[in-house]
Amino acid sequence: MIYTLCKNVIKSGNYEHQSMQNKLDVFLLGNRITSKQYTELCDLMKAQQATTEQTQSID
C-alpha cells in the first residue's frame, strides 16, 4: 500500500524531492517497502527530476 501511494505521488510530481527521499528512507528502514521497491521509486524520482530539468531548460 505505501509503495503504491508513494509511486502515485511521485508520478503526479506533487512532492519536494528531499522530503520524499527522506520518507522513502524511513519506509525502507521500517520494512514498509522492499529494497527493490525503494530502488524503483528512487529511480522514478530521478527520471522525473531529469525530465523536469530538461523542460525548464527548454523554456
PDB file of N, CA and C in Angstrom:
ATOM      1  N   MET A   1       0.824  -1.192   0.000  1.00  0.00           N
ATOM      2  CA  MET A   1       0.000   0.000   0.000  1.00  0.00           C
ATOM      3  C   MET A   1       0.873   1.264   0.000  1.00  0.00           C
ATOM      4  N   ILE A   2       1.856   1.344   0.897  1.00  0.00           N
ATOM      5  CA  ILE A   2       2.735   2.516   0.953  1.00  0.00           C
ATOM      6  C   ILE A   2       3.465   2.686  -0.374  1.00  0.00           C
ATOM      7  N   TYR A   3       3.913   1.583  -0.934  1.00  0.00           N
ATOM      8  CA  TYR A   3       4.612   1.620  -2.218  1.00  0.00           C
ATOM      9  C   TYR A   3       3.730   2.264  -3.286  1.00  0.00           C
ATOM     10  N   THR A   4       2.496   1.818  -3.375  1.00  0.00           N
ATOM     11  CA  THR A   4       1.559   2.340  -4.377  1.00  0.00           C
ATOM     12  C   THR A   4       1.287   3.824  -4.154  1.00  0.00           C
ATOM     13  N   LEU A   5       1.110   4.215  -2.909  1.00  0.00           N
ATOM     14  CA  LEU A   5       0.860   5.628  -2.612  1.00  0.00           C
ATOM     15  C   LEU A   5       2.061   6.489  -2.999  1.00  0.00           C
ATOM     16  N   CYS A   6       3.240   6.033  -2.641  1.00  0.00           N
ATOM     17  CA  CYS A   6       4.451   6.784  -2.991  1.00  0.00           C
ATOM     18  C   CYS A   6       4.616   6.876  -4.499  1.00  0.00           C
ATOM     19  N   LYS A   7       4.376   5.786  -5.185  1.00  0.00           N
ATOM     20  CA  LYS A   7       4.508   5.777  -6.639  1.00  0.00           C
ATOM     21  C   LYS A   7       3.537   6.763  -7.281  1.00  0.00           C
ATOM     22  N   ASN A   8       2.315   6.816  -6.782  1.00  0.00           N
ATOM     23  CA  ASN A   8       1.324   7.753  -7.316  1.00  0.00           C
ATOM     24  C   ASN A   8       1.731   9.206  -7.069  1.00  0.00           C
ATOM     25  N   VAL A   9       2.252   9.487  -5.878  1.00  0.00           N
ATOM     26  CA  VAL A   9       2.691  10.848  -5.566  1.00  0.00           C
ATOM     27  C   VAL A   9       3.857  11.245  -6.465  1.00  0.00           C
ATOM     28  N   ILE A  10       4.805  10.347  -6.621  1.00  0.00           N
ATOM     29  CA  ILE A  10       5.970  10.646  -7.463  1.00  0.00           C
ATOM     30  C   ILE A  10       5.542  10.873  -8.910  1.00  0.00           C
ATOM     31  N   LYS A  11       4.670  10.023  -9.423  1.00  0.00           N
ATOM     32  CA  LYS A  11       4.186  10.193 -10.802  1.00  0.00           C
ATOM     33  C   LYS A  11       3.443  11.508 -10.989  1.00  0.00           C
ATOM     34  N   SER A  12       2.736  11.960  -9.936  1.00  0.00           N
ATOM     35  CA  SER A  12       1.989  13.214 -10.032  1.00  0.00           C
ATOM     36  C   SER A  12       2.918  14.428 -10.031  1.00  0.00           C
ATOM     37  N   GLY A  13       4.123  14.241  -9.489  1.00  0.00           N
ATOM     38  CA  GLY A  13       5.064  15.348  -9.413  1.00  0.00           C
ATOM     39  C   GLY A  13       4.776  16.302  -8.267  1.00  0.00           C
ATOM     40  N   ASN A  14       3.832  15.941  -7.411  1.00  0.00           N
ATOM     41  CA  ASN A  14       3.395  16.813  -6.323  1.00  0.00           C
ATOM     42  C   ASN A  14       4.147  16.469  -5.036  1.00  0.00           C
ATOM     43  N   TYR A  15       5.467  16.707  -5.043  1.00  0.00           N
ATOM     44  CA  TYR A  15       6.294  16.419  -3.879  1.00  0.00           C
ATOM     45  C   TYR A  15       7.571  17.238  -3.952  1.00  0.00           C
ATOM     46  N   GLU A  16       8.222  17.373  -2.819  1.00  0.00           N
ATOM     47  CA  GLU A  16       9.532  18.006  -2.749  1.00  0.00           C
ATOM     48  C   GLU A  16      10.545  16.873  -2.674  1.00  0.00           C
ATOM     49  N   HIS A  17      11.562  16.921  -3.516  1.00  0.00           N
ATOM     50  CA  HIS A  17      12.468  15.788  -3.703  1.00  0.00           C
ATOM     51  C   HIS A  17      13.086  15.292  -2.398  1.00  0.00           C
ATOM     52  N   GLN A  18      13.702  16.176  -1.636  1.00  0.00           N
ATOM     53  CA  GLN A  18      14.396  15.740  -0.427  1.00  0.00           C
ATOM     54  C   GLN A  18      13.431  15.179   0.608  1.00  0.00           C
ATOM     55  N   SER A  19      12.270  15.766   0.704  1.00  0.00           N
ATOM     56  CA  SER A  19      11.261  15.271   1.642  1.00  0.00           C
ATOM     57  C   SER A  19      10.810  13.857   1.275  1.00  0.00           C
ATOM     58  N   MET A  20      10.570  13.621   0.000  1.00  0.00           N
ATOM     59  CA  MET A  20      10.155  12.280  -0.438  1.00  0.00           C
ATOM     60  C   MET A  20      11.288  11.285  -0.255  1.00  0.00           C
ATOM     61  N   GLN A  21      12.514  11.707  -0.521  1.00  0.00           N
ATOM     62  CA  GLN A  21      13.660  10.825  -0.322  1.00  0.00           C
ATOM     63  C   GLN A  21      13.755  10.400   1.143  1.00  0.00           C
ATOM     64  N   ASN A  22      13.562  11.353   2.043  1.00  0.00           N
ATOM     65  CA  ASN A  22      13.585  11.037   3.473  1.00  0.00           C
ATOM     66  C   ASN A  22      12.488  10.045   3.847  1.00  0.00           C
ATOM     67  N   LYS A  23      11.314  10.231   3.293  1.00  0.00           N
ATOM     68  CA  LYS A  23      10.202   9.318   3.577  1.00  0.00           C
ATOM     69  C   LYS A  23      10.512   7.909   3.074  1.00  0.00           C
ATOM     70  N   LEU A  24      11.055   7.833   1.863  1.00  0.00           N
ATOM     71  CA  LEU A  24      11.403   6.523   1.320  1.00  0.00           C
ATOM     72  C   LEU A  24      12.450   5.834   2.188  1.00  0.00           C
ATOM     73  N   ASP A  25      13.410   6.605   2.677  1.00  0.00           N
ATOM     74  CA  ASP A  25      14.429   6.039   3.569  1.00  0.00           C
ATOM     75  C   ASP A  25      13.788   5.446   4.821  1.00  0.00           C
ATOM     76  N   VAL A  26      12.864   6.191   5.412  1.00  0.00           N
ATOM     77  CA  VAL A  26      12.179   5.722   6.622  1.00  0.00           C
ATOM     78  C   VAL A  26      11.331   4.493   6.324  1.00  0.00           C
ATOM     79  N   PHE A  27      10.625   4.503   5.201  1.00  0.00           N
ATOM     80  CA  PHE A  27       9.793   3.348   4.848  1.00  0.00           C
ATOM     81  C   PHE A  27      10.650   2.103   4.633  1.00  0.00           C
ATOM     82  N   LEU A  28      11.824   2.277   4.042  1.00  0.00           N
ATOM     83  CA  LEU A  28      12.731   1.149   3.847  1.00  0.00           C
ATOM     84  C   LEU A  28      13.231   0.629   5.189  1.00  0.00           C
ATOM     85  N   LEU A  29      13.670   1.533   6.035  1.00  0.00           N
ATOM     86  CA  LEU A  29      14.177   1.127   7.348  1.00  0.00           C
ATOM     87  C   LEU A  29      13.098   0.476   8.209  1.00  0.00           C
ATOM     88  N   GLY A  30      11.859   0.907   8.038  1.00  0.00           N
ATOM     89  CA  GLY A  30      10.747   0.348   8.796  1.00  0.00           C
ATOM     90  C   GLY A  30      10.133  -0.882   8.142  1.00  0.00           C
ATOM     91  N   ASN A  31      10.765  -1.381   7.084  1.00  0.00           N
ATOM     92  CA  ASN A  31      10.261  -2.552   6.347  1.00  0.00           C
ATOM     93  C   ASN A  31       8.853  -2.363   5.800  1.00  0.00           C
ATOM     94  N   ARG A  32       8.529  -1.122   5.472  1.00  0.00           N
ATOM     95  CA  ARG A  32       7.225  -0.844   4.853  1.00  0.00           C
ATOM     96  C   ARG A  32       7.290  -1.032   3.345  1.00  0.00           C
ATOM     97  N   ILE A  33       8.518  -0.908   2.785  1.00  0.00           N
ATOM     98  CA  ILE A  33       8.750  -1.199   1.376  1.00  0.00           C
ATOM     99  C   ILE A  33      10.008  -2.057   1.288  1.00  0.00           C
ATOM    100  N   THR A  34      10.123  -2.796   0.193  1.00  0.00           N
ATOM    101  CA  THR A  34      11.300  -3.651  -0.010  1.00  0.00           C
ATOM    102  C   THR A  34      12.430  -2.827  -0.631  1.00  0.00           C
ATOM    103  N   SER A  35      13.626  -3.373  -0.618  1.00  0.00           N
ATOM    104  CA  SER A  35      14.753  -2.673  -1.236  1.00  0.00           C
ATOM    105  C   SER A  35      14.543  -2.527  -2.743  1.00  0.00           C
ATOM    106  N   LYS A  36      13.899  -3.496  -3.351  1.00  0.00           N
ATOM    107  CA  LYS A  36      13.592  -3.416  -4.786  1.00  0.00           C
ATOM    108  C   LYS A  36      12.614  -2.264  -5.053  1.00  0.00           C
ATOM    109  N   GLN A  37      11.584  -2.143  -4.222  1.00  0.00           N
ATOM    110  CA  GLN A  37      10.622  -1.051  -4.367  1.00  0.00           C
ATOM    111  C   GLN A  37      11.293   0.298  -4.122  1.00  0.00           C
ATOM    112  N   TYR A  38      12.150   0.344  -3.122  1.00  0.00           N
ATOM    113  CA  TYR A  38      12.889   1.566  -2.804  1.00  0.00           C
ATOM    114  C   TYR A  38      13.702   2.024  -4.020  1.00  0.00           C
ATOM    115  N   THR A  39      14.436   1.098  -4.600  1.00  0.00           N
ATOM    116  CA  THR A  39      15.252   1.411  -5.770  1.00  0.00           C
ATOM    117  C   THR A  39      14.385   1.890  -6.927  1.00  0.00           C
ATOM    118  N   GLU A  40      13.267   1.216  -7.141  1.00  0.00           N
ATOM    119  CA  GLU A  40      12.369   1.607  -8.227  1.00  0.00           C
ATOM    120  C   GLU A  40      11.832   3.019  -8.012  1.00  0.00           C
ATOM    121  N   LEU A  41      11.422   3.332  -6.792  1.00  0.00           N
ATOM    122  CA  LEU A  41      10.869   4.657  -6.506  1.00  0.00           C
ATOM    123  C   LEU A  41      11.936   5.743  -6.615  1.00  0.00           C
ATOM    124  N   CYS A  42      13.141   5.450  -6.163  1.00  0.00           N
ATOM    125  CA  CYS A  42      14.245   6.414  -6.292  1.00  0.00           C
ATOM    126  C   CYS A  42      14.573   6.658  -7.759  1.00  0.00           C
ATOM    127  N   ASP A  43      14.595   5.605  -8.547  1.00  0.00           N
ATOM    128  CA  ASP A  43      14.850   5.738  -9.979  1.00  0.00           C
ATOM    129  C   ASP A  43      13.753   6.547 -10.660  1.00  0.00           C
ATOM    130  N   LEU A  44      12.520   6.327 -10.244  1.00  0.00           N
ATOM    131  CA  LEU A  44      11.388   7.071 -10.795  1.00  0.00           C
ATOM    132  C   LEU A  44      11.531   8.562 -10.474  1.00  0.00           C
ATOM    133  N   MET A  45      11.944   8.864  -9.250  1.00  0.00           N
ATOM    134  CA  MET A  45      12.150  10.270  -8.879  1.00  0.00           C
ATOM    135  C   MET A  45      13.272  10.888  -9.696  1.00  0.00           C
ATOM    136  N   LYS A  46      14.360  10.161  -9.885  1.00  0.00           N
ATOM    137  CA  LYS A  46      15.489  10.673 -10.673  1.00  0.00           C
ATOM    138  C   LYS A  46      15.064  10.943 -12.113  1.00  0.00           C
ATOM    139  N   ALA A  47      14.303  10.023 -12.677  1.00  0.00           N
ATOM    140  CA  ALA A  47      13.831  10.198 -14.058  1.00  0.00           C
ATOM    141  C   ALA A  47      12.913  11.403 -14.165  1.00  0.00           C
ATOM    142  N   GLN A  48      12.038  11.549 -13.191  1.00  0.00           N
ATOM    143  CA  GLN A  48      11.111  12.677 -13.222  1.00  0.00           C
ATOM    144  C   GLN A  48      11.864  13.990 -13.035  1.00  0.00           C
ATOM    145  N   GLN A  49      12.854  13.986 -12.163  1.00  0.00           N
ATOM    146  CA  GLN A  49      13.646  15.188 -11.940  1.00  0.00           C
ATOM    147  C   GLN A  49      14.405  15.571 -13.212  1.00  0.00           C
ATOM    148  N   ALA A  50      14.946  14.595 -13.901  1.00  0.00           N
ATOM    149  CA  ALA A  50      15.664  14.859 -15.154  1.00  0.00           C
ATOM    150  C   ALA A  50      14.718  15.433 -16.200  1.00  0.00           C
ATOM    151  N   THR A  51      13.522  14.888 -16.288  1.00  0.00           N
ATOM    152  CA  THR A  51      12.521  15.385 -17.235  1.00  0.00           C
ATOM    153  C   THR A  51      12.147  16.827 -16.905  1.00  0.00           C
ATOM    154  N   THR A  52      11.963  17.116 -15.634  1.00  0.00           N
ATOM    155  CA  THR A  52      11.612  18.468 -15.207  1.00  0.00           C
ATOM    156  C   THR A  52      12.729  19.441 -15.537  1.00  0.00           C
ATOM    157  N   GLU A  53      13.965  19.050 -15.298  1.00  0.00           N
ATOM    158  CA  GLU A  53      15.113  19.910 -15.608  1.00  0.00           C
ATOM    159  C   GLU A  53      15.225  20.165 -17.103  1.00  0.00           C
ATOM    160  N   GLN A  54      14.959  19.150 -17.921  1.00  0.00           N
ATOM    161  CA  GLN A  54      15.006  19.320 -19.370  1.00  0.00           C
ATOM    162  C   GLN A  54      13.922  20.293 -19.823  1.00  0.00           C
ATOM    163  N   THR A  55      12.741  20.163 -19.251  1.00  0.00           N
ATOM    164  CA  THR A  55      11.627  21.043 -19.612  1.00  0.00           C
ATOM    165  C   THR A  55      11.939  22.478 -19.226  1.00  0.00           C
ATOM    166  N   GLN A  56      12.529  22.661 -18.056  1.00  0.00           N
ATOM    167  CA  GLN A  56      12.865  24.013 -17.602  1.00  0.00           C
ATOM    168  C   GLN A  56      13.963  24.626 -18.450  1.00  0.00           C
ATOM    169  N   SER A  57      14.907  23.834 -18.919  1.00  0.00           N
ATOM    170  CA  SER A  57      15.989  24.379 -19.734  1.00  0.00           C
ATOM    171  C   SER A  57      15.511  24.770 -21.126  1.00  0.00           C
ATOM    172  N   ILE A  58      14.452  24.147 -21.588  1.00  0.00           N
ATOM    173  CA  ILE A  58      13.894  24.479 -22.901  1.00  0.00           C
ATOM    174  C   ILE A  58      13.155  25.813 -22.839  1.00  0.00           C
ATOM    175  N   ASP A  59      12.493  26.063 -21.714  1.00  0.00           N
ATOM    176  CA  ASP A  59      11.699  27.298 -21.577  1.00  0.00           C
ATOM    177  C   ASP A  59      12.527  28.506 -21.482  1.00  0.00           C
TER     178      ASP A  59
END
